[in-house]
Amino acid sequence: MTKATGEDTRTLEILLVEDAPGDVRLASEALKLLPIENRIHVAADGQEALNYLRQRESYAGESLPDLVLLDLNLPRVNGHEVLQKMKNDPRLKHIPVVVLTSSKNEEDVLKAYDAYANCYVTKPTDWSEYSSAIQSIGDFWFNFVKLPSTS
């Protein structure tokens, strides 16, 4: 499937950093509904996400993602730390990061934007709203935005 711009025919890589199995299932199902060929990689905690992004351990040889969907409330390394480490790494800083979290705390919002999150989305609790939010994120980032090449 091609992007709306017709410029990119490759499969788009998405890293979902989420520790709640129910939210992983919801996001994965919603992403499957996108009319864009994509592959979802899941990291269950912040350290696993960093290993994936740095292509360490079992992730050696994996492609860098085109987009990261990042929860903030994660075990081992929290989402704020993952975001900060990504945006301070010359290899990773260009990858768009959508903070997708249950936190509505204004301090979390400001801290995320201070660390150069590309946007902050509070997870809807209703399935149809959640699915709509994920599809809107995918539509925006993969149909309207020119993403840098991750190769």
C-alpha atoms as a PDB file:
ATOM      1  CA  MET A   1       0.000   0.000   0.000  1.00  0.00           C
ATOM      2  CA  THR A   2       1.365   3.415  -0.804  1.00  0.00           C
ATOM      3  CA  LYS A   3       1.250   6.626   1.119  1.00  0.00           C
ATOM      4  CA  ALA A   4      -1.149   9.303  -0.113  1.00  0.00           C
ATOM      5  CA  THR A   5       1.804  11.210  -1.526  1.00  0.00           C
ATOM      6  CA  GLY A   6       2.663   8.195  -3.673  1.00  0.00           C
ATOM      7  CA  GLU A   7       6.311   8.536  -2.671  1.00  0.00           C
ATOM      8  CA  ASP A   8       6.735   5.540  -0.397  1.00  0.00           C
ATOM      9  CA  THR A   9       5.737   1.958  -1.094  1.00  0.00           C
ATOM     10  CA  ARG A  10       7.612   0.237   1.706  1.00  0.00           C
ATOM     11  CA  THR A  11       6.063  -1.285   4.802  1.00  0.00           C
ATOM     12  CA  LEU A  12       6.011   1.306   7.555  1.00  0.00           C
ATOM     13  CA  GLU A  13       7.527   0.284  10.867  1.00  0.00           C
ATOM     14  CA  ILE A  14       5.792   1.218  14.131  1.00  0.00           C
ATOM     15  CA  LEU A  15       7.261   0.700  17.589  1.00  0.00           C
ATOM     16  CA  LEU A  16       4.549   0.472  20.231  1.00  0.00           C
ATOM     17  CA  VAL A  17       6.037   0.908  23.700  1.00  0.00           C
ATOM     18  CA  GLU A  18       3.329  -0.319  26.038  1.00  0.00           C
ATOM     19  CA  ASP A  19       3.318  -2.584  29.087  1.00  0.00           C
ATOM     20  CA  ALA A  20      -0.447  -3.179  29.435  1.00  0.00           C
ATOM     21  CA  PRO A  21      -1.473  -6.254  27.398  1.00  0.00           C
ATOM     22  CA  GLY A  22      -4.993  -4.903  26.877  1.00  0.00           C
ATOM     23  CA  ASP A  23      -3.674  -1.643  25.443  1.00  0.00           C
ATOM     24  CA  VAL A  24      -1.216  -3.544  23.232  1.00  0.00           C
ATOM     25  CA  ARG A  25      -4.139  -5.571  21.862  1.00  0.00           C
ATOM     26  CA  LEU A  26      -6.306  -2.469  21.300  1.00  0.00           C
ATOM     27  CA  ALA A  27      -3.547  -0.496  19.585  1.00  0.00           C
ATOM     28  CA  SER A  28      -2.494  -3.465  17.452  1.00  0.00           C
ATOM     29  CA  GLU A  29      -6.063  -4.080  16.292  1.00  0.00           C
ATOM     30  CA  ALA A  30      -6.567  -0.395  15.501  1.00  0.00           C
ATOM     31  CA  LEU A  31      -3.279  -0.198  13.585  1.00  0.00           C
ATOM     32  CA  LYS A  32      -4.292  -3.225  11.509  1.00  0.00           C
ATOM     33  CA  LEU A  33      -7.281  -1.206  10.293  1.00  0.00           C
ATOM     34  CA  LEU A  34      -5.050   1.450   8.739  1.00  0.00           C
ATOM     35  CA  PRO A  35      -5.106   1.393   4.926  1.00  0.00           C
ATOM     36  CA  ILE A  36      -1.312   1.517   5.023  1.00  0.00           C
ATOM     37  CA  GLU A  37       0.889  -1.538   5.095  1.00  0.00           C
ATOM     38  CA  ASN A  38       2.586  -1.475   8.486  1.00  0.00           C
ATOM     39  CA  ARG A  39       4.419  -3.742  10.844  1.00  0.00           C
ATOM     40  CA  ILE A  40       4.043  -3.327  14.582  1.00  0.00           C
ATOM     41  CA  HIS A  41       6.847  -4.068  17.011  1.00  0.00           C
ATOM     42  CA  VAL A  42       5.998  -4.108  20.701  1.00  0.00           C
ATOM     43  CA  ALA A  43       8.314  -3.265  23.578  1.00  0.00           C
ATOM     44  CA  ALA A  44       6.823  -4.046  26.993  1.00  0.00           C
ATOM     45  CA  ASP A  45       9.060  -1.664  28.943  1.00  0.00           C
ATOM     46  CA  GLY A  46      11.367   1.272  28.431  1.00  0.00           C
ATOM     47  CA  GLN A  47      14.583  -0.737  28.521  1.00  0.00           C
ATOM     48  CA  GLU A  48      13.276  -3.108  25.853  1.00  0.00           C
ATOM     49  CA  ALA A  49      12.326  -0.073  23.729  1.00  0.00           C
ATOM     50  CA  LEU A  50      15.844   1.347  24.043  1.00  0.00           C
ATOM     51  CA  ASN A  51      17.375  -2.030  23.155  1.00  0.00           C
ATOM     52  CA  TYR A  52      15.143  -2.164  20.075  1.00  0.00           C
ATOM     53  CA  LEU A  53      15.947   1.403  19.037  1.00  0.00           C
ATOM     54  CA  ARG A  54      19.670   0.891  19.576  1.00  0.00           C
ATOM     55  CA  GLN A  55      19.435  -2.480  17.784  1.00  0.00           C
ATOM     56  CA  ARG A  56      20.977  -4.326  20.725  1.00  0.00           C
ATOM     57  CA  GLU A  57      20.644  -7.873  21.989  1.00  0.00           C
ATOM     58  CA  SER A  58      17.851  -9.764  20.212  1.00  0.00           C
ATOM     59  CA  TYR A  59      17.031  -6.660  18.129  1.00  0.00           C
ATOM     60  CA  ALA A  60      20.300  -6.542  16.180  1.00  0.00           C
ATOM     61  CA  GLY A  61      19.418  -6.132  12.522  1.00  0.00           C
ATOM     62  CA  GLU A  62      15.904  -4.757  13.122  1.00  0.00           C
ATOM     63  CA  SER A  63      14.852  -1.688  11.170  1.00  0.00           C
ATOM     64  CA  LEU A  64      14.448   1.605  12.942  1.00  0.00           C
ATOM     65  CA  PRO A  65      10.789   2.532  13.289  1.00  0.00           C
ATOM     66  CA  ASP A  66       9.107   5.234  11.237  1.00  0.00           C
ATOM     67  CA  LEU A  67       7.003   6.156  14.270  1.00  0.00           C
ATOM     68  CA  VAL A  68       7.083   5.425  18.005  1.00  0.00           C
ATOM     69  CA  LEU A  69       3.897   5.251  20.074  1.00  0.00           C
ATOM     70  CA  LEU A  70       5.169   5.698  23.624  1.00  0.00           C
ATOM     71  CA  ASP A  71       3.395   5.159  26.924  1.00  0.00           C
ATOM     72  CA  LEU A  72       4.850   7.120  29.835  1.00  0.00           C
ATOM     73  CA  ASN A  73       4.082   4.745  32.705  1.00  0.00           C
ATOM     74  CA  LEU A  74       6.495   1.923  31.985  1.00  0.00           C
ATOM     75  CA  PRO A  75       8.532  -0.468  34.123  1.00  0.00           C
ATOM     76  CA  ARG A  76      12.348  -0.406  34.279  1.00  0.00           C
ATOM     77  CA  VAL A  77      12.810   2.815  32.264  1.00  0.00           C
ATOM     78  CA  ASN A  78       9.851   5.198  32.131  1.00  0.00           C
ATOM     79  CA  GLY A  79       8.567   6.835  28.966  1.00  0.00           C
ATOM     80  CA  HIS A  80      10.005  10.242  29.816  1.00  0.00           C
ATOM     81  CA  GLU A  81      13.485   8.700  30.012  1.00  0.00           C
ATOM     82  CA  VAL A  82      12.999   6.806  26.747  1.00  0.00           C
ATOM     83  CA  LEU A  83      11.911  10.019  25.020  1.00  0.00           C
ATOM     84  CA  GLN A  84      14.828  11.979  26.434  1.00  0.00           C
ATOM     85  CA  LYS A  85      17.354   9.315  25.403  1.00  0.00           C
ATOM     86  CA  MET A  86      15.862   9.133  21.906  1.00  0.00           C
ATOM     87  CA  LYS A  87      15.931  12.865  21.337  1.00  0.00           C
ATOM     88  CA  ASN A  88      19.530  13.102  22.614  1.00  0.00           C
ATOM     89  CA  ASP A  89      20.729  10.358  20.238  1.00  0.00           C
ATOM     90  CA  PRO A  90      21.714  11.610  16.757  1.00  0.00           C
ATOM     91  CA  ARG A  91      20.570   8.304  15.187  1.00  0.00           C
ATOM     92  CA  LEU A  92      17.145   8.398  16.833  1.00  0.00           C
ATOM     93  CA  LYS A  93      16.207  12.036  17.350  1.00  0.00           C
ATOM     94  CA  HIS A  94      14.490  12.377  13.972  1.00  0.00           C
ATOM     95  CA  ILE A  95      12.026   9.533  14.648  1.00  0.00           C
ATOM     96  CA  PRO A  96       8.596  10.979  15.465  1.00  0.00           C
ATOM     97  CA  VAL A  97       7.351  10.095  18.938  1.00  0.00           C
ATOM     98  CA  VAL A  98       3.662  10.177  19.790  1.00  0.00           C
ATOM     99  CA  VAL A  99       3.172   9.994  23.533  1.00  0.00           C
ATOM    100  CA  LEU A 100       0.106   7.776  23.949  1.00  0.00           C
ATOM    101  CA  THR A 101      -0.686   7.576  27.627  1.00  0.00           C
ATOM    102  CA  SER A 102      -3.480   7.557  30.182  1.00  0.00           C
ATOM    103  CA  SER A 103      -1.925  10.499  32.039  1.00  0.00           C
ATOM    104  CA  LYS A 104      -3.771  13.796  31.794  1.00  0.00           C
ATOM    105  CA  ASN A 105      -1.313  15.403  34.222  1.00  0.00           C
ATOM    106  CA  GLU A 106      -0.236  18.823  32.915  1.00  0.00           C
ATOM    107  CA  GLU A 107       3.271  18.218  34.287  1.00  0.00           C
ATOM    108  CA  ASP A 108       3.565  15.065  32.114  1.00  0.00           C
ATOM    109  CA  VAL A 109       2.361  17.009  29.067  1.00  0.00           C
ATOM    110  CA  LEU A 110       4.887  19.800  29.587  1.00  0.00           C
ATOM    111  CA  LYS A 111       7.715  17.389  30.368  1.00  0.00           C
ATOM    112  CA  ALA A 112       6.971  15.407  27.187  1.00  0.00           C
ATOM    113  CA  TYR A 113       6.995  18.503  24.995  1.00  0.00           C
ATOM    114  CA  ASP A 114      10.104  19.819  26.750  1.00  0.00           C
ATOM    115  CA  ALA A 115      11.792  16.573  25.684  1.00  0.00           C
ATOM    116  CA  TYR A 116      10.619  17.137  22.074  1.00  0.00           C
ATOM    117  CA  ALA A 117       7.700  14.729  21.850  1.00  0.00           C
ATOM    118  CA  ASN A 118       5.980  15.287  18.516  1.00  0.00           C
ATOM    119  CA  CYS A 119       2.540  15.108  20.084  1.00  0.00           C
ATOM    120  CA  TYR A 120       0.768  14.024  23.245  1.00  0.00           C
ATOM    121  CA  VAL A 121      -2.415  11.952  23.088  1.00  0.00           C
ATOM    122  CA  THR A 122      -4.407  10.832  26.106  1.00  0.00           C
ATOM    123  CA  LYS A 123      -5.699   7.293  25.582  1.00  0.00           C
ATOM    124  CA  PRO A 124      -9.459   7.160  25.215  1.00  0.00           C
ATOM    125  CA  THR A 125     -11.086   4.459  27.330  1.00  0.00           C
ATOM    126  CA  ASP A 126     -13.818   3.592  24.821  1.00  0.00           C
ATOM    127  CA  TRP A 127     -12.779   1.103  22.076  1.00  0.00           C
ATOM    128  CA  SER A 128     -14.298   3.053  19.191  1.00  0.00           C
ATOM    129  CA  GLU A 129     -12.716   6.317  20.381  1.00  0.00           C
ATOM    130  CA  TYR A 130      -9.382   4.543  20.944  1.00  0.00           C
ATOM    131  CA  SER A 131      -9.519   2.988  17.478  1.00  0.00           C
ATOM    132  CA  SER A 132     -10.429   6.338  15.949  1.00  0.00           C
ATOM    133  CA  ALA A 133      -7.541   8.052  17.746  1.00  0.00           C
ATOM    134  CA  ILE A 134      -5.030   5.440  16.550  1.00  0.00           C
ATOM    135  CA  GLN A 135      -6.348   5.623  12.999  1.00  0.00           C
ATOM    136  CA  SER A 136      -6.144   9.435  13.071  1.00  0.00           C
ATOM    137  CA  ILE A 137      -2.551   9.230  14.318  1.00  0.00           C
ATOM    138  CA  GLY A 138      -1.688   6.763  11.554  1.00  0.00           C
ATOM    139  CA  ASP A 139      -3.503   8.765   8.907  1.00  0.00           C
ATOM    140  CA  PHE A 140      -1.723  11.970   9.899  1.00  0.00           C
ATOM    141  CA  TRP A 141       1.788  10.555  10.263  1.00  0.00           C
ATOM    142  CA  PHE A 142       1.698   8.254   7.254  1.00  0.00           C
ATOM    143  CA  ASN A 143      -0.488  10.142   4.745  1.00  0.00           C
ATOM    144  CA  PHE A 144       0.188  13.810   5.362  1.00  0.00           C
ATOM    145  CA  VAL A 145       3.626  14.063   6.938  1.00  0.00           C
ATOM    146  CA  LYS A 146       6.893  13.583   5.076  1.00  0.00           C
ATOM    147  CA  LEU A 147       8.914  11.263   7.293  1.00  0.00           C
ATOM    148  CA  PRO A 148      12.704  10.989   7.151  1.00  0.00           C
ATOM    149  CA  SER A 149      14.146   7.777   5.818  1.00  0.00           C
ATOM    150  CA  THR A 150      15.170   5.416   8.614  1.00  0.00           C
ATOM    151  CA  SER A 151      17.548   3.392   6.485  1.00  0.00           C
END
